[in-house]
Amino acid sequence: MSNLKKENGQSLVEFALILPILLLLVFSIIDFGMLFYTKNQLETISYNAARTISLGDTYTLPSGVIGVSVNYTPSSPYTAGQQVTVTANEDYTALTPILQILFNSNVVHLKNTTYIVIEV
C-alpha cells in the first residue's frame, strides 16, 4: 500500500509532459484539414467561375467568400471557341507552427487556375 502512495503524482507528471505534444499534433491535423478545405474551395470557385463565363454569363463571388480574388481573361464580348482562364487566389494563415516550418512562413499562398472554352 505504501508503494502506491509514492507513485500518485507520476501519471500527472507524465500527462503534463505529453499534453503539449498531443495538442500540437491534434491542432496540426486540424490546420492541415483547413488548408486542404480552403484549396478545395478555391478549385470549386475557379471552376464555377470558368463554367459560368463559358456559358456567357457574368460571374460574381458567392456571398460569404472573403479574401478570394478571381481574375479572368478574356473580358466580354465573348466569342465561341475562345479559351477562358480563371485564376483564384487566397492567403491561408496557419494556426500551428508546423505549417510555418514546412512553408517557411505563417501565410500560405494558394492559387488555382482553370481553363475552359466558351460554348456560346
N, C-alpha and C. Protein backbone atom coordinates (compact mmCIF):
# COMPACT_ATOMS: atom_id res chain seq x y z
N MET A 1 0.80 -1.19 0.00
CA MET A 1 0.00 0.00 0.00
C MET A 1 0.85 1.26 0.00
N SER A 2 1.98 1.23 0.68
CA SER A 2 2.83 2.40 0.75
C SER A 2 3.49 2.71 -0.59
N ASN A 3 3.69 1.68 -1.45
CA ASN A 3 4.25 1.90 -2.79
C ASN A 3 3.32 2.74 -3.66
N LEU A 4 2.03 2.54 -3.55
CA LEU A 4 1.06 3.30 -4.35
C LEU A 4 1.08 4.78 -3.97
N LYS A 5 1.25 5.10 -2.74
CA LYS A 5 1.25 6.49 -2.31
C LYS A 5 2.46 7.24 -2.88
N LYS A 6 3.56 6.58 -3.08
CA LYS A 6 4.75 7.23 -3.62
C LYS A 6 4.61 7.52 -5.11
N GLU A 7 3.72 6.81 -5.82
CA GLU A 7 3.58 6.96 -7.27
C GLU A 7 2.32 7.72 -7.66
N ASN A 8 1.66 8.36 -6.74
CA ASN A 8 0.41 9.06 -7.05
C ASN A 8 0.58 10.18 -8.06
N GLY A 9 1.65 10.94 -8.01
CA GLY A 9 1.84 12.06 -8.91
C GLY A 9 2.53 11.72 -10.21
N GLN A 10 2.95 10.48 -10.37
CA GLN A 10 3.68 10.09 -11.56
C GLN A 10 2.84 10.25 -12.82
N SER A 11 1.63 9.78 -12.81
CA SER A 11 0.79 9.87 -14.01
C SER A 11 0.47 11.33 -14.34
N LEU A 12 0.32 12.17 -13.35
CA LEU A 12 0.07 13.60 -13.58
C LEU A 12 1.28 14.26 -14.25
N VAL A 13 2.46 13.92 -13.81
CA VAL A 13 3.68 14.47 -14.41
C VAL A 13 3.84 13.98 -15.84
N GLU A 14 3.59 12.70 -16.09
CA GLU A 14 3.68 12.16 -17.44
C GLU A 14 2.66 12.82 -18.36
N PHE A 15 1.46 13.01 -17.87
CA PHE A 15 0.42 13.67 -18.66
C PHE A 15 0.82 15.11 -18.97
N ALA A 16 1.38 15.81 -18.00
CA ALA A 16 1.81 17.20 -18.21
C ALA A 16 2.93 17.28 -19.24
N LEU A 17 3.77 16.27 -19.33
CA LEU A 17 4.85 16.26 -20.31
C LEU A 17 4.35 15.94 -21.71
N ILE A 18 3.37 15.08 -21.82
CA ILE A 18 2.87 14.63 -23.11
C ILE A 18 1.80 15.57 -23.68
N LEU A 19 1.08 16.28 -22.84
CA LEU A 19 -0.04 17.12 -23.29
C LEU A 19 0.34 18.15 -24.35
N PRO A 20 1.41 18.92 -24.24
CA PRO A 20 1.74 19.88 -25.29
C PRO A 20 2.00 19.22 -26.65
N ILE A 21 2.68 18.09 -26.64
CA ILE A 21 2.95 17.38 -27.90
C ILE A 21 1.65 16.87 -28.50
N LEU A 22 0.78 16.33 -27.67
CA LEU A 22 -0.50 15.82 -28.13
C LEU A 22 -1.36 16.94 -28.71
N LEU A 23 -1.42 18.07 -28.03
CA LEU A 23 -2.20 19.21 -28.53
C LEU A 23 -1.64 19.75 -29.84
N LEU A 24 -0.33 19.82 -29.95
CA LEU A 24 0.29 20.28 -31.20
C LEU A 24 -0.06 19.34 -32.34
N LEU A 25 -0.03 18.05 -32.09
CA LEU A 25 -0.38 17.07 -33.11
C LEU A 25 -1.84 17.21 -33.54
N VAL A 26 -2.74 17.33 -32.59
CA VAL A 26 -4.17 17.44 -32.90
C VAL A 26 -4.46 18.72 -33.68
N PHE A 27 -3.92 19.85 -33.22
CA PHE A 27 -4.19 21.11 -33.91
C PHE A 27 -3.49 21.19 -35.26
N SER A 28 -2.37 20.50 -35.42
CA SER A 28 -1.72 20.44 -36.73
C SER A 28 -2.58 19.66 -37.73
N ILE A 29 -3.20 18.59 -37.28
CA ILE A 29 -4.10 17.83 -38.14
C ILE A 29 -5.29 18.70 -38.55
N ILE A 30 -5.85 19.45 -37.61
CA ILE A 30 -6.95 20.36 -37.91
C ILE A 30 -6.50 21.43 -38.90
N ASP A 31 -5.29 21.97 -38.69
CA ASP A 31 -4.76 23.01 -39.56
C ASP A 31 -4.57 22.50 -40.99
N PHE A 32 -4.01 21.30 -41.15
CA PHE A 32 -3.85 20.73 -42.49
C PHE A 32 -5.22 20.50 -43.14
N GLY A 33 -6.18 20.05 -42.36
CA GLY A 33 -7.53 19.86 -42.89
C GLY A 33 -8.14 21.16 -43.38
N MET A 34 -7.96 22.23 -42.63
CA MET A 34 -8.47 23.53 -43.05
C MET A 34 -7.75 24.04 -44.29
N LEU A 35 -6.44 23.76 -44.39
CA LEU A 35 -5.68 24.16 -45.56
C LEU A 35 -6.20 23.45 -46.81
N PHE A 36 -6.40 22.15 -46.72
CA PHE A 36 -6.90 21.40 -47.88
C PHE A 36 -8.35 21.76 -48.20
N TYR A 37 -9.15 22.08 -47.20
CA TYR A 37 -10.52 22.54 -47.44
C TYR A 37 -10.50 23.86 -48.20
N THR A 38 -9.61 24.78 -47.80
CA THR A 38 -9.51 26.07 -48.47
C THR A 38 -9.06 25.88 -49.92
N LYS A 39 -8.09 25.00 -50.15
CA LYS A 39 -7.64 24.71 -51.51
C LYS A 39 -8.77 24.13 -52.34
N ASN A 40 -9.56 23.24 -51.77
CA ASN A 40 -10.70 22.65 -52.47
C ASN A 40 -11.73 23.71 -52.81
N GLN A 41 -12.00 24.63 -51.89
CA GLN A 41 -12.94 25.72 -52.15
C GLN A 41 -12.45 26.60 -53.29
N LEU A 42 -11.14 26.87 -53.34
CA LEU A 42 -10.58 27.66 -54.44
C LEU A 42 -10.79 26.97 -55.78
N GLU A 43 -10.58 25.66 -55.82
CA GLU A 43 -10.80 24.91 -57.05
C GLU A 43 -12.25 24.98 -57.49
N THR A 44 -13.16 24.87 -56.53
CA THR A 44 -14.59 24.93 -56.84
C THR A 44 -14.98 26.31 -57.35
N ILE A 45 -14.51 27.36 -56.69
CA ILE A 45 -14.83 28.72 -57.11
C ILE A 45 -14.26 28.98 -58.50
N SER A 46 -13.03 28.56 -58.74
CA SER A 46 -12.39 28.76 -60.03
C SER A 46 -13.15 28.04 -61.14
N TYR A 47 -13.54 26.80 -60.89
CA TYR A 47 -14.28 26.04 -61.90
C TYR A 47 -15.66 26.64 -62.15
N ASN A 48 -16.38 27.00 -61.09
CA ASN A 48 -17.70 27.59 -61.26
C ASN A 48 -17.64 28.91 -62.01
N ALA A 49 -16.63 29.72 -61.74
CA ALA A 49 -16.47 30.98 -62.45
C ALA A 49 -16.20 30.72 -63.93
N ALA A 50 -15.31 29.78 -64.22
CA ALA A 50 -14.99 29.47 -65.62
C ALA A 50 -16.21 28.91 -66.35
N ARG A 51 -16.94 28.06 -65.70
CA ARG A 51 -18.13 27.48 -66.32
C ARG A 51 -19.19 28.54 -66.58
N THR A 52 -19.42 29.42 -65.62
CA THR A 52 -20.41 30.49 -65.78
C THR A 52 -20.03 31.43 -66.91
N ILE A 53 -18.76 31.80 -66.97
CA ILE A 53 -18.30 32.70 -68.02
C ILE A 53 -18.36 32.01 -69.38
N SER A 54 -18.06 30.71 -69.44
CA SER A 54 -18.09 30.00 -70.71
C SER A 54 -19.50 29.89 -71.27
N LEU A 55 -20.51 30.00 -70.41
CA LEU A 55 -21.89 29.96 -70.87
C LEU A 55 -22.43 31.35 -71.21
N GLY A 56 -21.57 32.37 -71.07
CA GLY A 56 -21.95 33.72 -71.47
C GLY A 56 -22.50 34.59 -70.36
N ASP A 57 -22.50 34.13 -69.15
CA ASP A 57 -22.99 34.91 -68.02
C ASP A 57 -21.83 35.63 -67.35
N THR A 58 -22.18 36.59 -66.48
CA THR A 58 -21.15 37.25 -65.68
C THR A 58 -21.07 36.54 -64.34
N TYR A 59 -19.88 36.48 -63.78
CA TYR A 59 -19.67 35.75 -62.53
C TYR A 59 -19.45 36.72 -61.39
N THR A 60 -20.14 36.46 -60.27
CA THR A 60 -19.88 37.19 -59.03
C THR A 60 -19.59 36.16 -57.95
N LEU A 61 -18.71 36.52 -57.04
CA LEU A 61 -18.38 35.61 -55.94
C LEU A 61 -19.61 35.35 -55.08
N PRO A 62 -19.77 34.14 -54.59
CA PRO A 62 -20.88 33.85 -53.67
C PRO A 62 -20.74 34.69 -52.40
N SER A 63 -21.87 34.97 -51.77
CA SER A 63 -21.82 35.74 -50.52
C SER A 63 -21.12 34.92 -49.44
N GLY A 64 -20.37 35.61 -48.60
CA GLY A 64 -19.66 34.95 -47.52
C GLY A 64 -18.25 34.54 -47.86
N VAL A 65 -17.85 34.67 -49.13
CA VAL A 65 -16.49 34.34 -49.53
C VAL A 65 -15.62 35.57 -49.29
N ILE A 66 -14.66 35.44 -48.39
CA ILE A 66 -13.82 36.57 -48.00
C ILE A 66 -12.37 36.25 -48.34
N GLY A 67 -11.66 37.21 -48.89
CA GLY A 67 -10.23 37.06 -49.12
C GLY A 67 -9.87 36.36 -50.41
N VAL A 68 -10.85 36.02 -51.26
CA VAL A 68 -10.56 35.35 -52.52
C VAL A 68 -10.65 36.37 -53.64
N SER A 69 -9.64 36.41 -54.49
CA SER A 69 -9.72 37.26 -55.68
C SER A 69 -9.81 36.36 -56.90
N VAL A 70 -10.72 36.70 -57.82
CA VAL A 70 -10.93 35.92 -59.03
C VAL A 70 -10.64 36.83 -60.21
N ASN A 71 -9.70 36.43 -61.03
CA ASN A 71 -9.35 37.18 -62.24
C ASN A 71 -9.59 36.27 -63.44
N TYR A 72 -10.13 36.84 -64.52
CA TYR A 72 -10.35 36.01 -65.69
C TYR A 72 -10.06 36.79 -66.97
N THR A 73 -9.63 36.06 -67.96
CA THR A 73 -9.43 36.60 -69.30
C THR A 73 -10.09 35.62 -70.26
N PRO A 74 -10.63 36.00 -71.35
CA PRO A 74 -10.79 37.36 -71.83
C PRO A 74 -11.99 38.04 -71.20
N SER A 75 -12.07 39.34 -71.32
CA SER A 75 -13.27 40.05 -70.86
C SER A 75 -14.26 40.08 -72.02
N SER A 76 -15.49 40.45 -71.73
CA SER A 76 -16.52 40.44 -72.77
C SER A 76 -16.18 41.47 -73.84
N PRO A 77 -16.56 41.33 -75.09
CA PRO A 77 -17.50 40.34 -75.62
C PRO A 77 -16.82 38.99 -75.83
N TYR A 78 -17.56 37.94 -75.52
CA TYR A 78 -17.04 36.59 -75.64
C TYR A 78 -17.36 36.06 -77.03
N THR A 79 -16.47 35.23 -77.55
CA THR A 79 -16.73 34.56 -78.81
C THR A 79 -16.58 33.06 -78.60
N ALA A 80 -17.41 32.30 -79.31
CA ALA A 80 -17.40 30.85 -79.16
C ALA A 80 -16.03 30.30 -79.57
N GLY A 81 -15.54 29.34 -78.84
CA GLY A 81 -14.26 28.71 -79.11
C GLY A 81 -13.08 29.40 -78.43
N GLN A 82 -13.32 30.57 -77.85
CA GLN A 82 -12.26 31.29 -77.15
C GLN A 82 -12.03 30.64 -75.78
N GLN A 83 -10.79 30.62 -75.33
CA GLN A 83 -10.48 29.99 -74.04
C GLN A 83 -10.58 31.01 -72.92
N VAL A 84 -11.24 30.60 -71.84
CA VAL A 84 -11.34 31.43 -70.63
C VAL A 84 -10.34 30.89 -69.61
N THR A 85 -9.59 31.78 -69.03
CA THR A 85 -8.65 31.42 -67.97
C THR A 85 -9.10 32.12 -66.71
N VAL A 86 -9.41 31.34 -65.68
CA VAL A 86 -9.84 31.90 -64.40
C VAL A 86 -8.81 31.54 -63.35
N THR A 87 -8.34 32.55 -62.62
CA THR A 87 -7.38 32.33 -61.56
C THR A 87 -7.97 32.81 -60.25
N ALA A 88 -7.98 31.94 -59.25
CA ALA A 88 -8.48 32.30 -57.91
C ALA A 88 -7.30 32.23 -56.95
N ASN A 89 -7.16 33.27 -56.13
CA ASN A 89 -6.05 33.37 -55.17
C ASN A 89 -6.59 33.60 -53.77
N GLU A 90 -5.88 33.07 -52.80
CA GLU A 90 -6.21 33.33 -51.40
C GLU A 90 -4.97 33.07 -50.55
N ASP A 91 -4.87 33.81 -49.46
CA ASP A 91 -3.79 33.60 -48.50
C ASP A 91 -4.38 32.89 -47.28
N TYR A 92 -3.79 31.75 -46.92
CA TYR A 92 -4.24 30.99 -45.75
C TYR A 92 -3.24 31.22 -44.63
N THR A 93 -3.75 31.65 -43.48
CA THR A 93 -2.89 31.88 -42.32
C THR A 93 -2.91 30.64 -41.44
N ALA A 94 -1.73 30.10 -41.20
CA ALA A 94 -1.59 28.87 -40.42
C ALA A 94 -1.86 29.12 -38.94
N LEU A 95 -2.42 28.12 -38.30
CA LEU A 95 -2.71 28.20 -36.87
C LEU A 95 -1.59 27.62 -36.02
N THR A 96 -0.85 26.67 -36.59
CA THR A 96 0.18 25.96 -35.82
C THR A 96 1.56 26.21 -36.41
N PRO A 97 2.59 26.03 -35.63
CA PRO A 97 3.95 26.24 -36.14
C PRO A 97 4.43 25.16 -37.11
N ILE A 98 3.70 24.07 -37.22
CA ILE A 98 4.12 23.01 -38.14
C ILE A 98 4.08 23.51 -39.58
N LEU A 99 3.02 24.22 -39.95
CA LEU A 99 2.95 24.78 -41.30
C LEU A 99 4.01 25.85 -41.52
N GLN A 100 4.33 26.59 -40.46
CA GLN A 100 5.39 27.59 -40.59
C GLN A 100 6.72 26.93 -40.91
N ILE A 101 6.97 25.78 -40.32
CA ILE A 101 8.21 25.05 -40.58
C ILE A 101 8.22 24.51 -42.02
N LEU A 102 7.09 23.97 -42.48
CA LEU A 102 7.03 23.38 -43.81
C LEU A 102 7.08 24.42 -44.92
N PHE A 103 6.40 25.57 -44.72
CA PHE A 103 6.30 26.58 -45.78
C PHE A 103 7.17 27.81 -45.53
N ASN A 104 7.95 27.81 -44.48
CA ASN A 104 8.84 28.92 -44.12
C ASN A 104 8.09 30.24 -43.94
N SER A 105 6.82 30.17 -43.65
CA SER A 105 6.02 31.37 -43.44
C SER A 105 4.74 30.98 -42.71
N ASN A 106 4.15 31.95 -42.03
CA ASN A 106 2.87 31.73 -41.37
C ASN A 106 1.72 31.79 -42.37
N VAL A 107 1.96 32.41 -43.53
CA VAL A 107 0.92 32.57 -44.55
C VAL A 107 1.27 31.68 -45.74
N VAL A 108 0.28 30.88 -46.17
CA VAL A 108 0.44 30.01 -47.33
C VAL A 108 -0.36 30.62 -48.47
N HIS A 109 0.31 30.91 -49.58
CA HIS A 109 -0.35 31.50 -50.74
C HIS A 109 -0.93 30.37 -51.60
N LEU A 110 -2.24 30.36 -51.73
CA LEU A 110 -2.92 29.33 -52.52
C LEU A 110 -3.38 29.95 -53.84
N LYS A 111 -3.24 29.20 -54.91
CA LYS A 111 -3.61 29.69 -56.23
C LYS A 111 -4.16 28.53 -57.04
N ASN A 112 -5.25 28.77 -57.76
CA ASN A 112 -5.81 27.74 -58.62
C ASN A 112 -6.20 28.39 -59.95
N THR A 113 -5.84 27.73 -61.04
CA THR A 113 -6.16 28.23 -62.37
C THR A 113 -6.97 27.20 -63.11
N THR A 114 -8.06 27.65 -63.75
CA THR A 114 -8.92 26.77 -64.52
C THR A 114 -9.03 27.30 -65.94
N TYR A 115 -8.94 26.42 -66.90
CA TYR A 115 -9.08 26.78 -68.32
C TYR A 115 -10.32 26.08 -68.85
N ILE A 116 -11.12 26.83 -69.64
CA ILE A 116 -12.32 26.25 -70.23
C ILE A 116 -12.63 27.02 -71.52
N VAL A 117 -13.27 26.38 -72.47
CA VAL A 117 -13.59 27.00 -73.76
C VAL A 117 -15.01 27.54 -73.73
N ILE A 118 -15.20 28.75 -74.27
CA ILE A 118 -16.53 29.37 -74.31
C ILE A 118 -17.40 28.60 -75.29
N GLU A 119 -18.62 28.30 -74.86
CA GLU A 119 -19.51 27.47 -75.66
C GLU A 119 -20.51 28.26 -76.46
N VAL A 120 -20.78 29.50 -76.09
CA VAL A 120 -21.80 30.27 -76.83
C VAL A 120 -21.18 31.40 -77.60
